[in-house]
Protein backbone atom coordinates (compact mmCIF):
# COMPACT_ATOMS: atom_id res chain seq x y z
CA MET A 1 132.07 -41.33 -12.53
CA ILE A 2 130.85 -38.80 -9.96
CA VAL A 3 132.02 -35.21 -10.50
CA LEU A 4 131.71 -32.34 -8.06
CA GLY A 5 130.98 -28.97 -9.67
CA ILE A 6 131.86 -25.67 -7.98
CA GLU A 7 130.43 -22.32 -9.11
CA THR A 8 131.62 -19.14 -7.34
CA ALA A 9 132.11 -16.70 -10.22
CA THR A 10 129.19 -14.53 -9.11
CA MET A 11 127.39 -13.79 -5.85
CA THR A 12 125.28 -16.86 -6.58
CA GLY A 13 127.35 -19.71 -5.21
CA GLY A 14 126.66 -23.33 -6.00
CA LEU A 15 127.77 -26.92 -5.71
CA ALA A 16 126.55 -29.97 -7.58
CA LEU A 17 127.19 -33.68 -7.89
CA VAL A 18 126.64 -35.36 -11.24
CA ASP A 19 127.10 -38.92 -12.36
CA GLU A 20 127.14 -40.03 -15.96
CA GLY A 21 123.62 -39.42 -17.19
CA ARG A 22 122.10 -37.97 -14.02
CA LEU A 23 122.16 -35.08 -11.59
CA ILE A 24 122.60 -36.38 -8.04
CA SER A 25 122.19 -33.11 -6.18
CA GLU A 26 122.59 -29.36 -6.54
CA TYR A 27 122.95 -26.57 -3.99
CA THR A 28 122.44 -22.89 -4.95
CA LEU A 29 122.34 -19.87 -2.70
CA ASN A 30 121.80 -16.38 -4.12
CA VAL A 31 122.43 -14.25 -1.02
CA ARG A 32 125.14 -11.82 -0.03
CA THR A 33 127.38 -13.97 2.11
CA THR A 34 130.96 -14.84 1.29
CA HIS A 35 131.71 -18.06 -0.54
CA SER A 36 134.54 -18.80 1.88
CA ALA A 37 132.06 -18.93 4.76
CA ARG A 38 129.48 -21.19 3.14
CA LEU A 39 131.23 -23.38 0.57
CA MET A 40 132.66 -26.19 2.71
CA PRO A 41 129.67 -26.42 5.11
CA ALA A 42 127.42 -26.65 2.05
CA LEU A 43 129.59 -29.41 0.60
CA ASP A 44 129.45 -31.40 3.83
CA ARG A 45 125.67 -31.07 3.94
CA MET A 46 125.22 -31.98 0.27
CA LEU A 47 127.36 -35.11 0.57
CA LYS A 48 125.44 -36.20 3.65
CA ASP A 49 122.03 -35.55 2.10
CA SER A 50 123.07 -37.37 -1.09
CA SER A 51 124.56 -40.35 0.78
CA VAL A 52 127.76 -39.85 -1.21
CA ASP A 53 131.13 -40.34 0.48
CA LYS A 54 133.92 -38.03 -0.61
CA SER A 55 135.92 -41.10 -1.64
CA GLN A 56 133.33 -41.69 -4.39
CA ILE A 57 134.14 -38.39 -6.11
CA SER A 58 136.15 -39.09 -9.28
CA GLY A 59 136.82 -35.53 -10.42
CA ILE A 60 136.33 -31.84 -9.67
CA ALA A 61 134.98 -29.21 -12.07
CA VAL A 62 135.22 -25.50 -11.29
CA SER A 63 133.97 -22.33 -12.94
CA ILE A 64 137.15 -20.41 -13.83
CA GLY A 65 135.74 -17.06 -14.95
CA PRO A 66 135.39 -14.37 -15.92
CA GLY A 67 133.59 -13.11 -12.85
CA SER A 68 134.25 -11.82 -9.36
CA PHE A 69 138.00 -11.93 -8.75
CA THR A 70 137.51 -12.90 -5.09
CA GLY A 71 134.87 -15.50 -5.91
CA LEU A 72 137.02 -17.08 -8.60
CA ARG A 73 140.02 -17.32 -6.31
CA ILE A 74 137.94 -18.93 -3.56
CA GLY A 75 136.37 -21.41 -5.96
CA LEU A 76 139.60 -22.41 -7.66
CA SER A 77 141.61 -22.68 -4.45
CA THR A 78 138.87 -24.85 -2.94
CA ALA A 79 138.76 -27.02 -6.07
CA LYS A 80 142.55 -27.40 -6.07
CA GLY A 81 142.59 -28.38 -2.41
CA LEU A 82 139.87 -30.96 -2.91
CA ALA A 83 141.52 -32.36 -6.04
CA LEU A 84 144.84 -32.73 -4.24
CA GLY A 85 143.26 -34.17 -1.11
CA LEU A 86 141.15 -36.69 -2.99
CA ALA A 87 143.84 -37.38 -5.63
CA VAL A 88 141.39 -36.75 -8.49
CA PRO A 89 141.70 -34.68 -11.70
CA LEU A 90 140.50 -31.09 -12.05
CA ALA A 91 138.65 -29.52 -15.00
CA GLY A 92 138.15 -25.79 -15.56
CA VAL A 93 134.94 -24.55 -17.17
CA PRO A 94 134.69 -20.97 -18.54
CA THR A 95 131.83 -19.24 -16.75
CA LEU A 96 130.30 -17.67 -19.86
CA ASP A 97 130.21 -21.06 -21.60
CA ALA A 98 128.46 -22.65 -18.64
CA LEU A 99 126.00 -19.78 -18.39
CA ALA A 100 125.12 -20.02 -22.08
CA ARG A 101 124.40 -23.73 -21.60
CA ASN A 102 121.39 -22.77 -19.47
CA VAL A 103 119.58 -22.27 -22.80
CA PRO A 104 121.35 -24.86 -25.01
CA TYR A 105 118.90 -25.24 -27.91
CA ALA A 106 117.73 -21.65 -28.28
CA ARG A 107 116.63 -20.59 -31.73
CA TYR A 108 118.10 -17.12 -31.13
CA GLN A 109 121.60 -15.89 -30.43
CA VAL A 110 122.59 -16.22 -26.76
CA CYS A 111 124.52 -13.58 -24.81
CA PRO A 112 125.69 -14.46 -21.29
CA VAL A 113 126.61 -11.17 -19.65
CA LEU A 114 128.18 -10.65 -16.22
CA ASP A 115 128.62 -7.45 -14.27
CA ALA A 116 132.33 -6.56 -14.39
CA LYS A 117 131.82 -3.42 -12.28
CA LYS A 118 133.47 -0.14 -13.35
CA LYS A 119 130.51 0.30 -15.76
CA GLU A 120 131.63 -2.69 -17.84
CA VAL A 121 130.39 -6.21 -18.56
CA TYR A 122 131.93 -9.57 -19.39
CA ALA A 123 130.20 -11.07 -22.41
CA SER A 124 130.39 -13.35 -25.41
CA LEU A 125 127.93 -14.41 -28.11
CA PHE A 126 126.84 -18.00 -28.72
CA ARG A 127 124.71 -19.76 -31.32
CA CYS A 128 123.22 -23.24 -31.51
CA GLU A 129 124.58 -25.06 -34.57
CA ASP A 130 123.49 -28.65 -35.24
CA ASN A 131 122.28 -28.89 -31.64
CA VAL A 132 125.68 -27.77 -30.31
CA LEU A 133 126.17 -24.40 -28.62
CA VAL A 134 129.09 -22.68 -30.35
CA ARG A 135 130.85 -19.55 -29.14
CA GLN A 136 130.91 -16.90 -31.89
CA THR A 137 133.05 -14.18 -30.29
CA PRO A 138 135.99 -14.01 -27.87
CA TYR A 139 135.45 -13.48 -24.16
CA GLN A 140 135.29 -9.71 -23.81
CA VAL A 141 135.12 -6.99 -21.18
CA MET A 142 133.54 -3.76 -22.41
CA PRO A 143 131.02 -1.01 -21.69
CA PRO A 144 127.41 -2.14 -22.30
CA ALA A 145 127.12 0.35 -25.16
CA GLU A 146 129.91 -1.43 -27.00
CA LEU A 147 128.17 -4.76 -26.51
CA VAL A 148 124.85 -3.60 -27.94
CA ASN A 149 126.68 -2.31 -31.02
CA GLN A 150 127.60 -5.93 -31.78
CA ILE A 151 124.01 -7.15 -31.69
CA HIS A 152 121.87 -6.99 -34.84
CA GLU A 153 119.39 -9.82 -34.28
CA LYS A 154 117.18 -11.25 -31.55
CA THR A 155 119.39 -12.19 -28.64
CA ILE A 156 118.71 -13.92 -25.33
CA PHE A 157 120.44 -12.19 -22.42
CA LEU A 158 121.20 -13.98 -19.17
CA GLY A 159 123.58 -13.38 -16.28
CA ASP A 160 123.80 -11.06 -13.30
CA ALA A 161 124.43 -7.99 -15.49
CA VAL A 162 120.79 -8.24 -16.56
CA ASP A 163 119.91 -6.98 -13.06
CA VAL A 164 121.95 -3.85 -13.73
CA TYR A 165 121.46 -3.20 -17.45
CA ARG A 166 118.07 -4.70 -18.37
CA GLU A 167 116.46 -1.31 -19.05
CA PHE A 168 119.50 -0.16 -21.01
CA PHE A 169 119.37 -3.24 -23.24
CA LYS A 170 115.61 -2.81 -23.74
CA GLU A 171 116.04 0.87 -24.63
CA LYS A 172 118.88 0.32 -27.09
CA LEU A 173 117.77 -2.97 -28.66
CA GLY A 174 113.99 -2.96 -28.36
CA GLU A 175 112.48 -6.25 -29.57
CA LEU A 176 115.94 -7.68 -30.25
CA ALA A 177 116.52 -8.02 -26.51
CA ILE A 178 115.01 -11.17 -24.97
CA PHE A 179 115.63 -12.08 -21.33
CA ALA A 180 115.91 -15.62 -19.99
CA PRO A 181 113.56 -16.60 -17.15
CA ASP A 182 114.91 -15.82 -13.70
CA ALA A 183 115.42 -19.51 -12.88
CA LEU A 184 117.77 -19.85 -15.88
CA ARG A 185 119.46 -16.48 -15.61
CA LEU A 186 122.28 -17.26 -13.17
CA PRO A 187 125.22 -19.71 -13.34
CA ARG A 188 124.51 -23.28 -12.21
CA ALA A 189 126.97 -25.62 -10.56
CA ALA A 190 125.18 -28.57 -12.19
CA VAL A 191 126.07 -27.24 -15.64
CA VAL A 192 129.68 -26.70 -14.54
CA ALA A 193 129.80 -30.27 -13.26
CA GLU A 194 128.25 -31.68 -16.44
CA MET A 195 130.66 -29.80 -18.70
CA GLY A 196 133.55 -30.74 -16.43
CA LEU A 197 132.57 -34.40 -16.64
CA SER A 198 132.81 -34.24 -20.44
CA LYS A 199 136.21 -32.55 -20.23
CA LEU A 200 137.57 -35.10 -17.77
CA LYS A 201 136.38 -38.02 -19.91
CA ALA A 202 138.19 -36.41 -22.86
CA GLY A 203 141.37 -36.04 -20.81
CA GLU A 204 141.14 -32.22 -20.67
CA CYS A 205 142.49 -31.68 -17.16
CA MET A 206 143.94 -28.54 -15.59
CA ASP A 207 147.34 -28.52 -13.95
CA ILE A 208 146.45 -28.30 -10.27
CA VAL A 209 149.54 -26.31 -9.34
CA SER A 210 149.81 -23.74 -12.14
CA SER A 211 146.19 -23.19 -13.21
CA GLU A 212 144.74 -19.71 -12.68
CA PRO A 213 141.31 -18.08 -13.10
CA LEU A 214 140.27 -16.61 -16.43
CA TYR A 215 140.22 -12.97 -15.37
CA ILE A 216 140.14 -11.32 -18.84
CA ARG A 217 140.62 -7.89 -17.30
């Protein structure tokens, strides 16, 4: 079962193809160009380079947010169009869950945090329990100061809000603030695809017509 993953919740856009048990290919571009301009050309190139025909795709997985409103709309509308055109099911993956999965077996609490603009962040707290990453708090949008008030132990931060608030987190939390390596800090389409594959196998499909992004705000 080959699943196409689409990640457009942040400025870092990505696509990935996963099969059961392996990553076929992944495309990531962290530059300031619009997702609408690069998404479909990137998909065409990735399919060609991977020697995968679009008819071999069995499902679509898309990052549904929170994140950039424009990016989420582009990603979901593209995923819907592809799912309808290929007659395959669609799975939605919360962006903070996928981001936390970049560090799945961490010994410390994990906090994916995205820049929500307006001096706020999207965030949630996760913990590894019996080798499973479990979300401990709801998806939230809040000022960074409110987030740090919830943190009382060593916590791994990752996400694009680290670019904006790293020094603030270090000042307020000291040794409690740990930052994921740059290569693991941003959302990955491969993780979205992998999580989407699990959802599709479990029958957890989105309604292609009525589904909407997870805006939170």
